[in-house]
C-alpha atoms as a PDB file:
ATOM      1  CA  MET A   1      -1.866  67.016  19.011  1.00  0.00           C
ATOM      2  CA  THR A   2      -4.955  67.477  21.330  1.00  0.00           C
ATOM      3  CA  THR A   3      -5.019  70.784  23.526  1.00  0.00           C
ATOM      4  CA  ILE A   4      -4.878  71.478  27.044  1.00  0.00           C
ATOM      5  CA  ASP A   5      -7.372  73.550  28.916  1.00  0.00           C
ATOM      6  CA  HIS A   6      -4.933  74.796  31.140  1.00  0.00           C
ATOM      7  CA  PHE A   7      -7.934  76.407  32.702  1.00  0.00           C
ATOM      8  CA  ASN A   8     -10.000  73.593  34.203  1.00  0.00           C
ATOM      9  CA  LEU A   9      -6.401  72.229  34.922  1.00  0.00           C
ATOM     10  CA  ARG A  10      -5.555  75.097  36.959  1.00  0.00           C
ATOM     11  CA  SER A  11      -8.460  75.060  39.732  1.00  0.00           C
ATOM     12  CA  PHE A  12      -7.557  70.971  39.805  1.00  0.00           C
ATOM     13  CA  ASP A  13      -4.765  70.127  42.307  1.00  0.00           C
ATOM     14  CA  LEU A  14      -2.810  67.445  40.217  1.00  0.00           C
ATOM     15  CA  ASN A  15      -0.968  66.415  43.917  1.00  0.00           C
ATOM     16  CA  LEU A  16      -4.516  64.390  43.957  1.00  0.00           C
ATOM     17  CA  LEU A  17      -3.073  62.440  41.097  1.00  0.00           C
ATOM     18  CA  VAL A  18       0.084  61.361  42.943  1.00  0.00           C
ATOM     19  CA  ALA A  19      -2.625  60.379  45.905  1.00  0.00           C
ATOM     20  CA  PHE A  20      -4.856  58.203  43.465  1.00  0.00           C
ATOM     21  CA  ASP A  21      -1.586  56.811  42.275  1.00  0.00           C
ATOM     22  CA  ALA A  22      -0.380  55.689  45.755  1.00  0.00           C
ATOM     23  CA  LEU A  23      -3.917  54.739  46.506  1.00  0.00           C
ATOM     24  CA  ILE A  24      -4.556  52.419  43.858  1.00  0.00           C
ATOM     25  CA  ALA A  25      -0.195  50.782  44.491  1.00  0.00           C
ATOM     26  CA  GLU A  26      -0.998  50.235  48.394  1.00  0.00           C
ATOM     27  CA  GLY A  27      -5.119  50.064  48.375  1.00  0.00           C
ATOM     28  CA  ASN A  28      -4.604  51.200  52.100  1.00  0.00           C
ATOM     29  CA  VAL A  29      -5.271  54.839  53.096  1.00  0.00           C
ATOM     30  CA  THR A  30      -1.989  54.424  55.673  1.00  0.00           C
ATOM     31  CA  ARG A  31       0.907  52.621  53.400  1.00  0.00           C
ATOM     32  CA  ALA A  32      -0.492  55.150  50.794  1.00  0.00           C
ATOM     33  CA  ALA A  33       0.374  57.727  53.701  1.00  0.00           C
ATOM     34  CA  ARG A  34       3.328  56.600  54.321  1.00  0.00           C
ATOM     35  CA  ARG A  35       4.157  56.059  50.559  1.00  0.00           C
ATOM     36  CA  LEU A  36       4.249  59.835  49.805  1.00  0.00           C
ATOM     37  CA  LYS A  37       5.837  60.407  53.447  1.00  0.00           C
ATOM     38  CA  ILE A  38       2.698  62.443  55.264  1.00  0.00           C
ATOM     39  CA  GLN A  39      -0.059  61.847  57.933  1.00  0.00           C
ATOM     40  CA  GLN A  40      -2.536  59.551  57.735  1.00  0.00           C
ATOM     41  CA  PRO A  41      -5.404  62.045  57.889  1.00  0.00           C
ATOM     42  CA  ALA A  42      -3.521  64.539  55.336  1.00  0.00           C
ATOM     43  CA  MET A  43      -4.428  61.444  52.720  1.00  0.00           C
ATOM     44  CA  SER A  44      -7.995  60.609  53.729  1.00  0.00           C
ATOM     45  CA  HIS A  45      -8.754  64.031  53.209  1.00  0.00           C
ATOM     46  CA  SER A  46      -6.698  63.772  49.803  1.00  0.00           C
ATOM     47  CA  LEU A  47      -9.272  60.660  49.234  1.00  0.00           C
ATOM     48  CA  SER A  48     -12.414  62.862  50.308  1.00  0.00           C
ATOM     49  CA  THR A  49     -10.954  65.644  48.470  1.00  0.00           C
ATOM     50  CA  LEU A  50     -11.001  63.018  44.917  1.00  0.00           C
ATOM     51  CA  ARG A  51     -14.422  61.610  45.690  1.00  0.00           C
ATOM     52  CA  VAL A  52     -15.829  65.115  45.284  1.00  0.00           C
ATOM     53  CA  LEU A  53     -14.526  65.974  42.449  1.00  0.00           C
ATOM     54  CA  LEU A  54     -14.702  62.817  40.691  1.00  0.00           C
ATOM     55  CA  GLN A  55     -17.978  62.003  42.027  1.00  0.00           C
ATOM     56  CA  ASP A  56     -17.397  58.751  43.190  1.00  0.00           C
ATOM     57  CA  GLU A  57     -16.570  56.549  45.893  1.00  0.00           C
ATOM     58  CA  LEU A  58     -13.143  55.306  44.098  1.00  0.00           C
ATOM     59  CA  PHE A  59     -12.238  52.966  46.653  1.00  0.00           C
ATOM     60  CA  ILE A  60     -15.026  50.869  48.959  1.00  0.00           C
ATOM     61  CA  ARG A  61     -13.430  48.986  52.099  1.00  0.00           C
ATOM     62  CA  VAL A  62     -13.245  45.240  51.881  1.00  0.00           C
ATOM     63  CA  GLY A  63     -11.667  44.061  55.295  1.00  0.00           C
ATOM     64  CA  GLN A  64      -8.445  45.872  55.353  1.00  0.00           C
ATOM     65  CA  VAL A  65      -8.099  46.649  51.708  1.00  0.00           C
ATOM     66  CA  MET A  66      -9.889  49.805  49.809  1.00  0.00           C
ATOM     67  CA  GLN A  67     -10.742  47.965  46.577  1.00  0.00           C
ATOM     68  CA  PRO A  68     -10.781  50.748  43.134  1.00  0.00           C
ATOM     69  CA  THR A  69     -14.346  50.988  41.963  1.00  0.00           C
ATOM     70  CA  ALA A  70     -15.014  50.830  38.232  1.00  0.00           C
ATOM     71  CA  ARG A  71     -13.913  54.788  37.685  1.00  0.00           C
ATOM     72  CA  ALA A  72     -10.830  53.968  39.582  1.00  0.00           C
ATOM     73  CA  ARG A  73     -10.101  51.391  37.981  1.00  0.00           C
ATOM     74  CA  SER A  74     -10.783  52.676  33.951  1.00  0.00           C
ATOM     75  CA  LEU A  75      -8.550  56.496  35.303  1.00  0.00           C
ATOM     76  CA  ALA A  76      -5.860  54.142  36.632  1.00  0.00           C
ATOM     77  CA  ILE A  77      -3.580  53.220  34.057  1.00  0.00           C
ATOM     78  CA  PRO A  78      -3.952  56.605  32.407  1.00  0.00           C
ATOM     79  CA  VAL A  79      -3.474  58.463  35.654  1.00  0.00           C
ATOM     80  CA  ARG A  80       0.273  56.517  36.028  1.00  0.00           C
ATOM     81  CA  HIS A  81       1.244  57.172  32.193  1.00  0.00           C
ATOM     82  CA  ALA A  82       0.439  60.818  33.510  1.00  0.00           C
ATOM     83  CA  LEU A  83       2.767  60.746  36.074  1.00  0.00           C
ATOM     84  CA  ARG A  84       5.364  58.914  34.687  1.00  0.00           C
ATOM     85  CA  GLN A  85       5.631  60.626  31.325  1.00  0.00           C
ATOM     86  CA  ALA A  86       6.034  63.732  33.642  1.00  0.00           C
ATOM     87  CA  GLN A  87       8.884  62.442  35.890  1.00  0.00           C
ATOM     88  CA  LEU A  88      10.645  61.282  32.475  1.00  0.00           C
ATOM     89  CA  ALA A  89      10.251  64.873  31.601  1.00  0.00           C
ATOM     90  CA  LEU A  90      11.354  67.006  34.952  1.00  0.00           C
ATOM     91  CA  THR A  91      14.571  64.363  35.629  1.00  0.00           C
ATOM     92  CA  GLY A  92      15.785  64.040  32.583  1.00  0.00           C
ATOM     93  CA  ASN A  93      18.659  62.982  31.901  1.00  0.00           C
ATOM     94  CA  GLN A  94      19.370  61.892  35.794  1.00  0.00           C
ATOM     95  CA  ALA A  95      21.036  58.572  36.146  1.00  0.00           C
ATOM     96  CA  PHE A  96      18.476  55.634  37.190  1.00  0.00           C
ATOM     97  CA  ASP A  97      19.672  53.518  40.354  1.00  0.00           C
ATOM     98  CA  PRO A  98      18.629  50.248  40.447  1.00  0.00           C
ATOM     99  CA  ALA A  99      19.485  49.736  43.799  1.00  0.00           C
ATOM    100  CA  THR A 100      17.266  52.650  44.958  1.00  0.00           C
ATOM    101  CA  GLU A 101      14.391  52.604  42.816  1.00  0.00           C
ATOM    102  CA  GLU A 102      10.913  51.655  43.297  1.00  0.00           C
ATOM    103  CA  ARG A 103       8.806  51.057  40.604  1.00  0.00           C
ATOM    104  CA  THR A 104       6.602  48.396  39.129  1.00  0.00           C
ATOM    105  CA  PHE A 105       6.806  46.880  35.637  1.00  0.00           C
ATOM    106  CA  ARG A 106       4.653  45.085  33.859  1.00  0.00           C
ATOM    107  CA  ILE A 107       5.619  43.088  31.114  1.00  0.00           C
ATOM    108  CA  ALA A 108       3.132  40.848  28.897  1.00  0.00           C
ATOM    109  CA  MET A 109       4.945  37.710  27.818  1.00  0.00           C
ATOM    110  CA  SER A 110       4.335  34.209  25.899  1.00  0.00           C
ATOM    111  CA  PRO A 111       4.292  31.239  27.673  1.00  0.00           C
ATOM    112  CA  GLU A 112       7.301  30.448  26.697  1.00  0.00           C
ATOM    113  CA  ILE A 113       9.401  33.354  28.425  1.00  0.00           C
ATOM    114  CA  GLU A 114       7.444  33.136  31.785  1.00  0.00           C
ATOM    115  CA  LEU A 115       8.901  30.214  32.151  1.00  0.00           C
ATOM    116  CA  LEU A 116      12.408  31.046  30.774  1.00  0.00           C
ATOM    117  CA  LEU A 117      12.814  34.723  32.111  1.00  0.00           C
ATOM    118  CA  ILE A 118      10.739  35.142  35.447  1.00  0.00           C
ATOM    119  CA  PRO A 119      13.063  32.913  37.398  1.00  0.00           C
ATOM    120  CA  GLU A 120      16.569  34.454  36.164  1.00  0.00           C
ATOM    121  CA  LEU A 121      15.007  37.739  36.210  1.00  0.00           C
ATOM    122  CA  THR A 122      13.454  37.387  39.805  1.00  0.00           C
ATOM    123  CA  MET A 123      16.936  36.546  40.893  1.00  0.00           C
ATOM    124  CA  ARG A 124      18.685  39.272  39.366  1.00  0.00           C
ATOM    125  CA  LEU A 125      15.525  42.001  41.700  1.00  0.00           C
ATOM    126  CA  ARG A 126      16.307  40.613  44.190  1.00  0.00           C
ATOM    127  CA  ARG A 127      19.854  40.804  44.199  1.00  0.00           C
ATOM    128  CA  ASP A 128      20.706  44.652  42.024  1.00  0.00           C
ATOM    129  CA  ALA A 129      17.302  46.186  42.042  1.00  0.00           C
ATOM    130  CA  PRO A 130      15.592  45.235  45.562  1.00  0.00           C
ATOM    131  CA  GLY A 131      12.614  48.202  45.232  1.00  0.00           C
ATOM    132  CA  LEU A 132      11.827  46.806  41.945  1.00  0.00           C
ATOM    133  CA  LYS A 133       9.137  44.485  41.255  1.00  0.00           C
ATOM    134  CA  VAL A 134       7.360  42.294  37.867  1.00  0.00           C
ATOM    135  CA  LEU A 135       3.949  41.925  37.067  1.00  0.00           C
ATOM    136  CA  ALA A 136       4.213  39.598  34.147  1.00  0.00           C
ATOM    137  CA  ARG A 137       0.732  39.703  31.880  1.00  0.00           C
ATOM    138  CA  VAL A 138      -0.467  36.918  29.528  1.00  0.00           C
ATOM    139  CA  PHE A 139      -1.285  38.984  26.709  1.00  0.00           C
ATOM    140  CA  PRO A 140      -3.672  38.598  23.568  1.00  0.00           C
ATOM    141  CA  TYR A 141      -1.740  40.041  20.498  1.00  0.00           C
ATOM    142  CA  GLU A 142      -4.344  42.698  19.847  1.00  0.00           C
ATOM    143  CA  ALA A 143      -3.948  44.200  23.234  1.00  0.00           C
ATOM    144  CA  MET A 144      -0.977  44.466  23.205  1.00  0.00           C
ATOM    145  CA  GLU A 145      -0.122  47.592  21.518  1.00  0.00           C
ATOM    146  CA  PRO A 146      -2.522  49.853  23.074  1.00  0.00           C
ATOM    147  CA  SER A 147      -0.926  48.612  25.805  1.00  0.00           C
ATOM    148  CA  LEU A 148       2.043  49.400  25.427  1.00  0.00           C
ATOM    149  CA  GLU A 149       1.134  52.712  24.075  1.00  0.00           C
ATOM    150  CA  ASP A 150      -0.879  53.901  27.322  1.00  0.00           C
ATOM    151  CA  GLY A 151       1.019  52.643  29.708  1.00  0.00           C
ATOM    152  CA  GLY A 152      -0.857  49.113  31.025  1.00  0.00           C
ATOM    153  CA  ILE A 153       2.672  47.282  30.115  1.00  0.00           C
ATOM    154  CA  ASP A 154       6.046  48.254  29.495  1.00  0.00           C
ATOM    155  CA  ILE A 155       7.842  45.401  27.925  1.00  0.00           C
ATOM    156  CA  ALA A 156       6.743  42.824  25.756  1.00  0.00           C
ATOM    157  CA  VAL A 157       8.589  39.745  24.479  1.00  0.00           C
ATOM    158  CA  GLY A 158       7.276  36.858  23.217  1.00  0.00           C
ATOM    159  CA  CYS A 159       7.225  34.771  19.116  1.00  0.00           C
ATOM    160  CA  THR A 160       3.721  37.002  17.840  1.00  0.00           C
ATOM    161  CA  TYR A 161       5.040  40.498  18.067  1.00  0.00           C
ATOM    162  CA  THR A 162       6.347  42.025  14.778  1.00  0.00           C
ATOM    163  CA  LYS A 163       7.694  45.891  13.859  1.00  0.00           C
ATOM    164  CA  THR A 164       4.996  48.150  13.460  1.00  0.00           C
ATOM    165  CA  SER A 165       5.701  52.302  13.191  1.00  0.00           C
ATOM    166  CA  ARG A 166       4.601  52.770  16.605  1.00  0.00           C
ATOM    167  CA  ARG A 167       6.680  50.379  18.271  1.00  0.00           C
ATOM    168  CA  SER A 168      10.294  50.101  19.065  1.00  0.00           C
ATOM    169  CA  PHE A 169      11.462  46.512  19.118  1.00  0.00           C
ATOM    170  CA  GLU A 170      14.528  43.565  18.703  1.00  0.00           C
ATOM    171  CA  THR A 171      14.566  40.678  18.000  1.00  0.00           C
ATOM    172  CA  LEU A 172      16.063  38.162  20.766  1.00  0.00           C
ATOM    173  CA  TYR A 173      16.721  35.159  19.679  1.00  0.00           C
ATOM    174  CA  GLU A 174      14.865  31.945  17.118  1.00  0.00           C
ATOM    175  CA  PRO A 175      12.864  29.186  18.664  1.00  0.00           C
ATOM    176  CA  GLU A 176      14.488  25.705  18.338  1.00  0.00           C
ATOM    177  CA  MET A 177      11.853  22.534  19.099  1.00  0.00           C
ATOM    178  CA  ALA A 178      12.763  19.743  20.967  1.00  0.00           C
ATOM    179  CA  CYS A 179      10.703  16.271  21.752  1.00  0.00           C
ATOM    180  CA  CYS A 180      10.452  15.732  25.867  1.00  0.00           C
ATOM    181  CA  TYR A 181       8.940  12.183  26.479  1.00  0.00           C
ATOM    182  CA  ASN A 182       8.965   9.102  29.328  1.00  0.00           C
ATOM    183  CA  PRO A 183      11.663   6.384  27.908  1.00  0.00           C
ATOM    184  CA  ALA A 184       9.960   3.770  30.456  1.00  0.00           C
ATOM    185  CA  LEU A 185       6.290   4.357  28.675  1.00  0.00           C
ATOM    186  CA  LEU A 186       7.707   4.925  24.919  1.00  0.00           C
ATOM    187  CA  PRO A 187      11.079   3.055  24.307  1.00  0.00           C
ATOM    188  CA  LEU A 188      12.016   5.540  21.613  1.00  0.00           C
ATOM    189  CA  SER A 189      15.412   5.921  20.436  1.00  0.00           C
ATOM    190  CA  ASN A 190      17.128   9.301  21.194  1.00  0.00           C
ATOM    191  CA  PRO A 191      17.733  10.421  18.670  1.00  0.00           C
ATOM    192  CA  VAL A 192      13.893  10.273  17.690  1.00  0.00           C
ATOM    193  CA  GLU A 193      13.230   9.125  14.199  1.00  0.00           C
ATOM    194  CA  LEU A 194      11.215  10.886  12.204  1.00  0.00           C
ATOM    195  CA  PRO A 195       8.607   7.686  11.646  1.00  0.00           C
ATOM    196  CA  ASP A 196       8.474   7.218  14.702  1.00  0.00           C
ATOM    197  CA  TYR A 197       7.479  11.106  15.664  1.00  0.00           C
ATOM    198  CA  LEU A 198       5.037  10.863  13.200  1.00  0.00           C
ATOM    199  CA  SER A 199       3.278   7.987  14.181  1.00  0.00           C
ATOM    200  CA  ALA A 200       3.118   9.246  18.454  1.00  0.00           C
ATOM    201  CA  GLU A 201       0.977  10.795  20.345  1.00  0.00           C
ATOM    202  CA  HIS A 202       1.535  14.062  20.879  1.00  0.00           C
ATOM    203  CA  ALA A 203       1.159  16.722  23.615  1.00  0.00           C
ATOM    204  CA  THR A 204       1.368  20.305  22.469  1.00  0.00           C
ATOM    205  CA  ILE A 205       0.662  24.027  23.417  1.00  0.00           C
ATOM    206  CA  SER A 206      -2.021  25.249  22.312  1.00  0.00           C
ATOM    207  CA  GLN A 207      -4.160  28.914  23.495  1.00  0.00           C
ATOM    208  CA  ASN A 208      -6.582  28.679  20.494  1.00  0.00           C
ATOM    209  CA  GLU A 209      -9.534  26.263  19.523  1.00  0.00           C
ATOM    210  CA  THR A 210      -6.869  24.085  17.511  1.00  0.00           C
ATOM    211  CA  LEU A 211      -5.627  20.801  18.881  1.00  0.00           C
ATOM    212  CA  GLN A 212      -1.692  21.884  17.092  1.00  0.00           C
ATOM    213  CA  GLY A 213      -1.863  24.817  18.364  1.00  0.00           C
ATOM    214  CA  CYS A 214       1.238  26.834  18.185  1.00  0.00           C
ATOM    215  CA  ILE A 215       3.066  24.658  16.505  1.00  0.00           C
ATOM    216  CA  LYS A 216       0.367  24.666  13.813  1.00  0.00           C
ATOM    217  CA  ASP A 217       1.822  26.968  10.980  1.00  0.00           C
ATOM    218  CA  ALA A 218       4.861  25.546  11.033  1.00  0.00           C
ATOM    219  CA  LEU A 219       3.544  21.933  10.820  1.00  0.00           C
ATOM    220  CA  GLU A 220       1.199  22.957   8.025  1.00  0.00           C
ATOM    221  CA  MET A 221       4.530  24.731   6.067  1.00  0.00           C
ATOM    222  CA  ALA A 222       6.679  21.297   6.331  1.00  0.00           C
ATOM    223  CA  GLY A 223       3.594  19.206   5.222  1.00  0.00           C
ATOM    224  CA  VAL A 224       3.436  17.125   8.395  1.00  0.00           C
ATOM    225  CA  GLU A 225       0.134  16.523  10.194  1.00  0.00           C
ATOM    226  CA  LEU A 226       0.905  15.013  14.287  1.00  0.00           C
ATOM    227  CA  ASN A 227      -1.688  12.635  16.210  1.00  0.00           C
ATOM    228  CA  VAL A 228      -2.764  15.476  18.815  1.00  0.00           C
ATOM    229  CA  ILE A 229      -4.091  13.806  21.417  1.00  0.00           C
ATOM    230  CA  THR A 230      -3.478  16.394  24.429  1.00  0.00           C
ATOM    231  CA  ALA A 231      -3.046  19.917  23.765  1.00  0.00           C
ATOM    232  CA  ALA A 232      -3.086  23.138  26.906  1.00  0.00           C
ATOM    233  CA  PRO A 233      -2.328  26.051  27.226  1.00  0.00           C
ATOM    234  CA  GLY A 234       1.130  25.852  29.424  1.00  0.00           C
ATOM    235  CA  TYR A 235       4.103  24.704  29.194  1.00  0.00           C
ATOM    236  CA  MET A 236       4.368  22.405  32.046  1.00  0.00           C
ATOM    237  CA  SER A 237       0.992  20.580  31.642  1.00  0.00           C
ATOM    238  CA  VAL A 238       1.920  19.346  28.726  1.00  0.00           C
ATOM    239  CA  LEU A 239       5.303  18.038  29.654  1.00  0.00           C
ATOM    240  CA  SER A 240       3.733  16.801  33.056  1.00  0.00           C
ATOM    241  CA  ALA A 241       1.417  14.799  30.849  1.00  0.00           C
ATOM    242  CA  ALA A 242       4.869  13.170  28.853  1.00  0.00           C
ATOM    243  CA  GLN A 243       5.875  12.489  32.355  1.00  0.00           C
ATOM    244  CA  VAL A 244       2.774  10.126  32.977  1.00  0.00           C
ATOM    245  CA  ALA A 245       1.631   9.518  29.266  1.00  0.00           C
ATOM    246  CA  PRO A 246       3.226   8.187  25.959  1.00  0.00           C
ATOM    247  CA  VAL A 247       2.759  10.123  24.135  1.00  0.00           C
ATOM    248  CA  ILE A 248       5.527  12.953  22.693  1.00  0.00           C
ATOM    249  CA  ALA A 249       5.668  16.727  23.770  1.00  0.00           C
ATOM    250  CA  THR A 250       7.130  18.831  21.283  1.00  0.00           C
ATOM    251  CA  VAL A 251       8.186  22.130  23.115  1.00  0.00           C
ATOM    252  CA  PRO A 252      11.584  25.060  22.892  1.00  0.00           C
ATOM    253  CA  SER A 253      14.720  23.488  23.277  1.00  0.00           C
ATOM    254  CA  ARG A 254      15.024  26.302  25.892  1.00  0.00           C
ATOM    255  CA  ILE A 255      12.084  24.592  28.263  1.00  0.00           C
ATOM    256  CA  ALA A 256      13.087  20.929  27.712  1.00  0.00           C
ATOM    257  CA  GLY A 257      16.748  22.432  28.998  1.00  0.00           C
ATOM    258  CA  ARG A 258      15.053  23.567  31.785  1.00  0.00           C
ATOM    259  CA  TYR A 259      12.460  21.306  32.960  1.00  0.00           C
ATOM    260  CA  ALA A 260      12.857  18.127  31.185  1.00  0.00           C
ATOM    261  CA  ALA A 261      15.222  16.693  33.156  1.00  0.00           C
ATOM    262  CA  LEU A 262      13.294  17.544  36.770  1.00  0.00           C
ATOM    263  CA  LEU A 263      10.756  15.675  35.230  1.00  0.00           C
ATOM    264  CA  GLY A 264      12.540  12.163  34.116  1.00  0.00           C
ATOM    265  CA  LEU A 265      12.075  13.594  30.752  1.00  0.00           C
ATOM    266  CA  GLU A 266      14.575  11.546  27.918  1.00  0.00           C
ATOM    267  CA  VAL A 267      15.066  15.309  25.558  1.00  0.00           C
ATOM    268  CA  SER A 268      15.580  14.568  21.697  1.00  0.00           C
ATOM    269  CA  PRO A 269      16.608  17.317  19.138  1.00  0.00           C
ATOM    270  CA  LEU A 270      13.443  17.604  17.000  1.00  0.00           C
ATOM    271  CA  PRO A 271      14.084  14.761  13.471  1.00  0.00           C
ATOM    272  CA  LEU A 272      12.828  17.716  11.211  1.00  0.00           C
ATOM    273  CA  SER A 273      13.286  21.184  10.227  1.00  0.00           C
ATOM    274  CA  LEU A 274      10.218  23.265  11.338  1.00  0.00           C
ATOM    275  CA  THR A 275       9.930  27.358  11.442  1.00  0.00           C
ATOM    276  CA  PHE A 276       9.313  29.552  13.893  1.00  0.00           C
ATOM    277  CA  PRO A 277       8.702  33.176  14.317  1.00  0.00           C
ATOM    278  CA  SER A 278      11.399  35.260  16.113  1.00  0.00           C
ATOM    279  CA  VAL A 279      11.681  36.512  19.669  1.00  0.00           C
ATOM    280  CA  LYS A 280      10.998  39.965  19.528  1.00  0.00           C
ATOM    281  CA  MET A 281      11.113  42.302  23.056  1.00  0.00           C
ATOM    282  CA  VAL A 282       9.131  45.326  22.169  1.00  0.00           C
ATOM    283  CA  TRP A 283       7.950  48.388  24.205  1.00  0.00           C
ATOM    284  CA  ALA A 284       6.709  52.048  23.479  1.00  0.00           C
ATOM    285  CA  ASN A 285       8.384  54.634  21.164  1.00  0.00           C
ATOM    286  CA  HIS A 286       8.435  56.911  24.415  1.00  0.00           C
ATOM    287  CA  ALA A 287       9.914  54.289  26.697  1.00  0.00           C
ATOM    288  CA  ASP A 288      13.189  54.947  24.368  1.00  0.00           C
ATOM    289  CA  ASN A 289      14.902  58.015  27.134  1.00  0.00           C
ATOM    290  CA  ASP A 290      13.246  56.162  30.380  1.00  0.00           C
ATOM    291  CA  HIS A 291      16.282  54.575  31.935  1.00  0.00           C
ATOM    292  CA  ALA A 292      14.750  52.121  34.236  1.00  0.00           C
ATOM    293  CA  ASN A 293      12.937  50.630  31.171  1.00  0.00           C
ATOM    294  CA  GLY A 294      16.126  50.362  29.447  1.00  0.00           C
ATOM    295  CA  TRP A 295      17.667  49.259  32.481  1.00  0.00           C
ATOM    296  CA  LEU A 296      14.966  46.549  33.135  1.00  0.00           C
ATOM    297  CA  ARG A 297      15.779  45.896  28.992  1.00  0.00           C
ATOM    298  CA  GLN A 298      19.309  44.572  29.699  1.00  0.00           C
ATOM    299  CA  GLN A 299      18.683  42.796  32.426  1.00  0.00           C
ATOM    300  CA  ILE A 300      16.208  40.785  30.069  1.00  0.00           C
ATOM    301  CA  ARG A 301      18.659  40.419  27.325  1.00  0.00           C
ATOM    302  CA  ASP A 302      21.137  39.107  30.173  1.00  0.00           C
ATOM    303  CA  SER A 303      18.318  36.739  31.277  1.00  0.00           C
ATOM    304  CA  LEU A 304      17.685  34.843  28.145  1.00  0.00           C
ATOM    305  CA  VAL A 305      21.174  34.362  27.246  1.00  0.00           C
ATOM    306  CA  CYS A 306      21.617  32.334  30.826  1.00  0.00           C
ATOM    307  CA  THR A 307      19.042  30.135  28.903  1.00  0.00           C
ATOM    308  CA  ALA A 308      20.118  29.691  25.320  1.00  0.00           C
ATOM    309  CA  VAL A 309      21.051  25.741  24.853  1.00  0.00           C
ATOM    310  CA  GLY A 310      24.878  25.524  24.538  1.00  0.00           C
ATOM    311  CA  GLY A 311      25.838  28.816  25.301  1.00  0.00           C
ATOM    312  CA  GLN A 312      24.275  30.761  22.197  1.00  0.00           C
ATOM    313  CA  LYS A 313      24.464  34.954  22.071  1.00  0.00           C
ATOM    314  CA  LEU A 314      21.325  36.621  21.672  1.00  0.00           C
ATOM    315  CA  ASP A 315      20.239  38.077  18.176  1.00  0.00           C
ATOM    316  CA  VAL A 316      20.192  41.334  19.438  1.00  0.00           C
ATOM    317  CA  SER A 317      19.631  43.096  15.412  1.00  0.00           C
ATOM    318  CA  VAL A 318      16.715  45.513  15.023  1.00  0.00           C
END
């Protein structure tokens, strides 16, 4: 455990960290003062003191916004994490009230989860927790764990996250895939037959350097190769390609169920069995006792239940 230098901390007014966090959140001295319920001159004085103590401008005015310097950006997440931990320690087991809480959650999610979760979750937050906000982030796997630990993100949801000793997690559901195509451009039977599927041209989701992208491993396990002519990082662009071109878009069934009809696409079950990693929700162990984090996890579970095809329930085994 790292030793705390109590003597040096004693000479630093820790209230300045609260002021710094408010400035980061608001990007404006007046709004930051309003958030802390203090006068604007008092906030300006706190900023001046921080600049002297940290030997950096911290915020530079650009128009009506105070842009953080590189030094301020490097401090933002550690300071927020420290304040959050202090708040948890001081509040203990006090009840969390979503109707009055004010907080911004950062959620790392895969493209599939982004399309499924954001609409439903936004509706729930506006209805039940008007002071809570969500910043969705697309995080590479290797950046997820340190960001969970240092508070850069609060929760991660996707199919690439696996259990380690430093994270809490639960399985949300097992993904299934479907075929989407424009029947006016591809006169296929529904359900699509395997020979037609294999002989067709395809559009797939890919966030790496391969055309097969997210389904590459599953296709190789099944001993199948597709003629992929278009690969893109987002599902809506892949579905839109199928709307205007004679290609099959292979996408998760939940995505197809929610968006295919909007683009006039036919939806068929996949004519072969492919195995994909489970979709999991992951959070840092230190957030287990964070009632706000726990409440948000429940909203994520409930939101994804609403996206299930045929009303299937979520598997929440740990």
